[in-house]
Protein backbone atom coordinates (compact mmCIF):
# COMPACT_ATOMS: atom_id res chain seq x y z
CA UNK A 1 0.00 0.00 0.00
CA UNK A 2 1.70 3.12 -1.25
CA UNK A 3 0.16 5.28 1.48
CA UNK A 4 1.92 3.28 4.22
CA UNK A 5 5.17 2.95 2.25
CA UNK A 6 5.31 6.72 1.76
CA UNK A 7 4.67 7.31 5.48
CA UNK A 8 7.43 4.87 6.43
CA UNK A 9 9.86 6.65 4.11
CA UNK A 10 8.95 10.11 5.40
CA UNK A 11 8.56 9.36 9.12
CA UNK A 12 10.30 6.02 9.79
CA UNK A 13 13.83 5.56 11.07
CA UNK A 14 16.07 2.52 10.55
CA UNK A 15 18.16 1.75 13.63
CA UNK A 16 21.24 -0.47 13.33
CA UNK A 17 19.92 -1.90 10.06
CA UNK A 18 17.38 -4.17 11.80
CA UNK A 19 14.89 -2.05 13.74
CA UNK A 20 12.35 0.16 11.98
CA UNK A 21 11.12 2.88 14.32
CA UNK A 22 7.66 4.19 13.40
CA UNK A 23 6.82 5.50 16.85
CA UNK A 24 5.61 8.88 15.64
CA UNK A 25 2.58 7.51 13.76
CA UNK A 26 2.02 3.79 14.38
CA UNK A 27 2.93 2.51 17.82
CA UNK A 28 3.76 5.24 20.35
CA UNK A 29 2.18 8.39 19.03
CA UNK A 30 -0.70 7.15 16.91
CA UNK A 31 -2.18 8.83 13.84
CA UNK A 32 -5.71 7.52 14.32
CA UNK A 33 -7.07 8.83 11.02
CA UNK A 34 -4.16 7.12 9.23
CA UNK A 35 -4.90 3.82 11.03
CA UNK A 36 -8.52 4.07 9.94
CA UNK A 37 -7.34 4.27 6.30
CA UNK A 38 -5.24 1.14 6.83
CA UNK A 39 -8.24 -0.60 8.40
CA UNK A 40 -10.41 0.21 5.39
CA UNK A 41 -7.81 -1.39 3.12
CA UNK A 42 -7.79 -4.56 5.25
CA UNK A 43 -11.59 -4.55 5.30
CA UNK A 44 -11.54 -4.64 1.49
CA UNK A 45 -8.96 -7.44 1.43
CA UNK A 46 -10.84 -9.61 3.94
CA UNK A 47 -14.41 -8.67 2.93
CA UNK A 48 -15.35 -12.17 1.74
CA UNK A 49 -14.72 -13.71 5.17
CA UNK A 50 -17.27 -13.89 7.97
CA UNK A 51 -15.02 -12.52 10.72
CA UNK A 52 -16.46 -12.53 14.24
CA UNK A 53 -13.45 -11.20 16.21
CA UNK A 54 -10.15 -9.39 15.78
CA UNK A 55 -7.35 -10.69 18.03
CA UNK A 56 -4.02 -9.00 18.81
CA UNK A 57 -1.37 -8.80 21.55
CA UNK A 58 -0.87 -5.80 23.81
CA UNK A 59 0.31 -3.18 23.47
CA UNK A 60 1.35 -2.08 19.98
CA UNK A 61 -1.31 -4.16 18.27
CA UNK A 62 -4.23 -2.65 20.18
CA UNK A 63 -4.60 0.58 18.19
CA UNK A 64 -4.39 -1.28 14.87
CA UNK A 65 -6.79 -3.93 16.13
CA UNK A 66 -9.26 -1.31 17.37
CA UNK A 67 -9.36 0.49 14.01
CA UNK A 68 -9.73 -2.82 12.20
CA UNK A 69 -12.44 -4.13 14.53
CA UNK A 70 -14.38 -0.87 14.14
CA UNK A 71 -14.13 -1.09 10.33
CA UNK A 72 -15.36 -4.71 10.41
CA UNK A 73 -18.05 -4.12 13.06
CA UNK A 74 -16.74 -6.87 15.36
CA UNK A 75 -15.20 -6.95 18.86
CA UNK A 76 -11.47 -6.63 19.47
CA UNK A 77 -9.85 -9.06 21.90
CA UNK A 78 -6.25 -8.64 22.96
CA UNK A 79 -3.89 -11.08 24.59
CA UNK A 80 -2.34 -9.73 27.76
CA UNK A 81 1.37 -10.20 28.31
CA UNK A 82 0.95 -10.71 32.03
CA UNK A 83 -1.88 -12.35 33.90
CA UNK A 84 -3.12 -9.82 36.43
CA UNK A 85 -5.72 -9.60 39.18
CA UNK A 86 -8.34 -8.36 36.70
CA UNK A 87 -7.81 -11.51 34.59
CA UNK A 88 -8.49 -14.09 37.26
CA UNK A 89 -10.71 -16.48 35.35
CA UNK A 90 -9.72 -19.39 33.14
CA UNK A 91 -7.46 -18.36 30.30
CA UNK A 92 -5.86 -19.70 27.16
CA UNK A 93 -2.13 -19.08 27.11
CA UNK A 94 0.87 -19.32 24.81
CA UNK A 95 4.54 -18.53 25.17
CA UNK A 96 5.69 -15.81 22.75
CA UNK A 97 9.18 -14.43 22.11
CA UNK A 98 9.35 -10.68 21.49
CA UNK A 99 12.08 -9.69 19.02
CA UNK A 100 11.73 -6.03 20.04
CA UNK A 101 12.09 -6.67 23.78
CA UNK A 102 14.33 -9.76 23.49
CA UNK A 103 12.29 -11.73 26.00
CA UNK A 104 9.53 -14.33 26.32
CA UNK A 105 6.01 -13.50 27.43
CA UNK A 106 3.27 -15.86 28.51
CA UNK A 107 0.31 -14.21 26.77
CA UNK A 108 -3.21 -14.92 27.97
CA UNK A 109 -6.77 -14.49 26.70
CA UNK A 110 -9.81 -15.07 28.88
CA UNK A 111 -11.90 -18.05 27.83
CA UNK A 112 -14.93 -15.73 28.08
CA UNK A 113 -13.84 -13.71 25.06
CA UNK A 114 -12.58 -16.29 22.57
CA UNK A 115 -15.06 -19.03 21.77
CA UNK A 116 -15.24 -22.22 19.77
CA UNK A 117 -16.57 -21.36 16.34
CA UNK A 118 -15.23 -17.79 16.31
CA UNK A 119 -13.72 -16.75 12.98
CA UNK A 120 -10.71 -14.70 14.00
CA UNK A 121 -8.66 -12.14 12.11
CA UNK A 122 -5.26 -11.58 13.74
CA UNK A 123 -3.81 -8.04 13.75
CA UNK A 124 -0.36 -6.65 14.52
CA UNK A 125 1.87 -3.70 13.73
CA UNK A 126 4.93 -5.72 12.65
CA UNK A 127 5.50 -9.19 11.26
CA UNK A 128 9.12 -10.34 11.42
CA UNK A 129 9.65 -13.93 12.57
CA UNK A 130 5.95 -14.42 13.22
CA UNK A 131 6.26 -15.31 16.90
CA UNK A 132 3.38 -13.12 18.07
CA UNK A 133 1.03 -14.45 15.40
CA UNK A 134 2.08 -18.05 16.07
CA UNK A 135 1.20 -17.55 19.73
CA UNK A 136 -2.20 -16.14 18.81
CA UNK A 137 -2.78 -19.06 16.43
CA UNK A 138 -1.98 -21.46 19.27
CA UNK A 139 -4.49 -19.69 21.52
CA UNK A 140 -7.16 -19.87 18.80
CA UNK A 141 -6.56 -23.61 18.40
CA UNK A 142 -6.94 -24.09 22.16
CA UNK A 143 -10.25 -22.21 22.00
CA UNK A 144 -11.55 -24.10 18.97
CA UNK A 145 -11.65 -20.83 17.02
CA UNK A 146 -10.70 -20.58 13.35
CA UNK A 147 -7.96 -18.20 12.22
CA UNK A 148 -9.16 -16.76 8.91
CA UNK A 149 -6.21 -14.45 8.30
CA UNK A 150 -3.67 -11.98 9.60
CA UNK A 151 -3.60 -8.23 9.02
CA UNK A 152 -0.12 -6.78 9.52
CA UNK A 153 0.89 -3.20 8.91
CA UNK A 154 4.59 -3.78 8.20
CA UNK A 155 6.23 -7.07 7.29
CA UNK A 156 9.97 -7.58 7.31
CA UNK A 157 10.08 -9.74 4.20
CA UNK A 158 13.77 -10.53 4.73
CA UNK A 159 12.78 -12.51 7.81
CA UNK A 160 10.80 -15.73 7.45
CA UNK A 161 7.65 -15.15 9.50
CA UNK A 162 5.26 -14.13 6.74
CA UNK A 163 6.45 -16.79 4.31
CA UNK A 164 6.15 -19.49 6.97
CA UNK A 165 2.61 -18.46 7.92
CA UNK A 166 1.55 -18.37 4.27
CA UNK A 167 3.02 -21.86 3.70
CA UNK A 168 0.88 -23.03 6.63
CA UNK A 169 -2.28 -21.77 4.92
CA UNK A 170 -2.75 -18.45 6.74
CA UNK A 171 -3.92 -15.57 4.54
CA UNK A 172 -1.45 -12.82 5.50
CA UNK A 173 -2.16 -9.30 4.25
CA UNK A 174 0.74 -6.97 5.05
CA UNK A 175 0.26 -3.44 3.76
CA UNK A 176 4.00 -2.75 3.42
CA UNK A 177 6.57 -5.51 2.92
CA UNK A 178 10.20 -4.50 3.36
CA UNK A 179 12.69 -6.69 1.50
CA UNK A 180 15.77 -4.76 2.61
CA UNK A 181 16.60 -1.99 5.04
CA UNK A 182 19.88 -0.51 6.18
CA UNK A 183 21.52 2.86 6.73
CA UNK A 184 21.16 3.54 2.98
CA UNK A 185 17.39 3.22 3.01
CA UNK A 186 14.43 0.88 2.65
CA UNK A 187 13.44 -1.32 -0.29
CA UNK A 188 9.80 -2.41 -0.51
CA UNK A 189 8.55 -5.54 -2.22
CA UNK A 190 6.98 -4.75 -5.55
């Protein structure tokens, strides 16, 4: 999606050739109107599916998931990275490695909010190795819910996460796929 690619080029910052910082519009300071445009694009790409829920992981995925859920007219559910006193009921859980934070999280979703028969669209800001999405897929399997696809804003195509998910039958729709990035710039997949 040219709109997102242009925004990455104008406002993104490559750090050490492996981190793309888009904090000023996507995952720290959030351009809500811009996210709504992304959500409309995903709505068009997934319009043939009967989605009942959008599922993401806190915290960076929540804003994207909220815009997407609003566009689709379905609830947003997010996996929490830490079980807390306000999540004291039965939960589904999966262990997820965060590339950004270089640590494992045990993410949880209340059994009240993810049900057998749900048709779930996963949402996230970045797709690199696919660990977050794999954890959400595991949680959906535990719940008896069907994963119908994954909506990712930015995919690092030079890592294997997106390709692996697609090989496993997941419809992945990334709006910007980066094939190369370094101190000289960013190359998008054509």
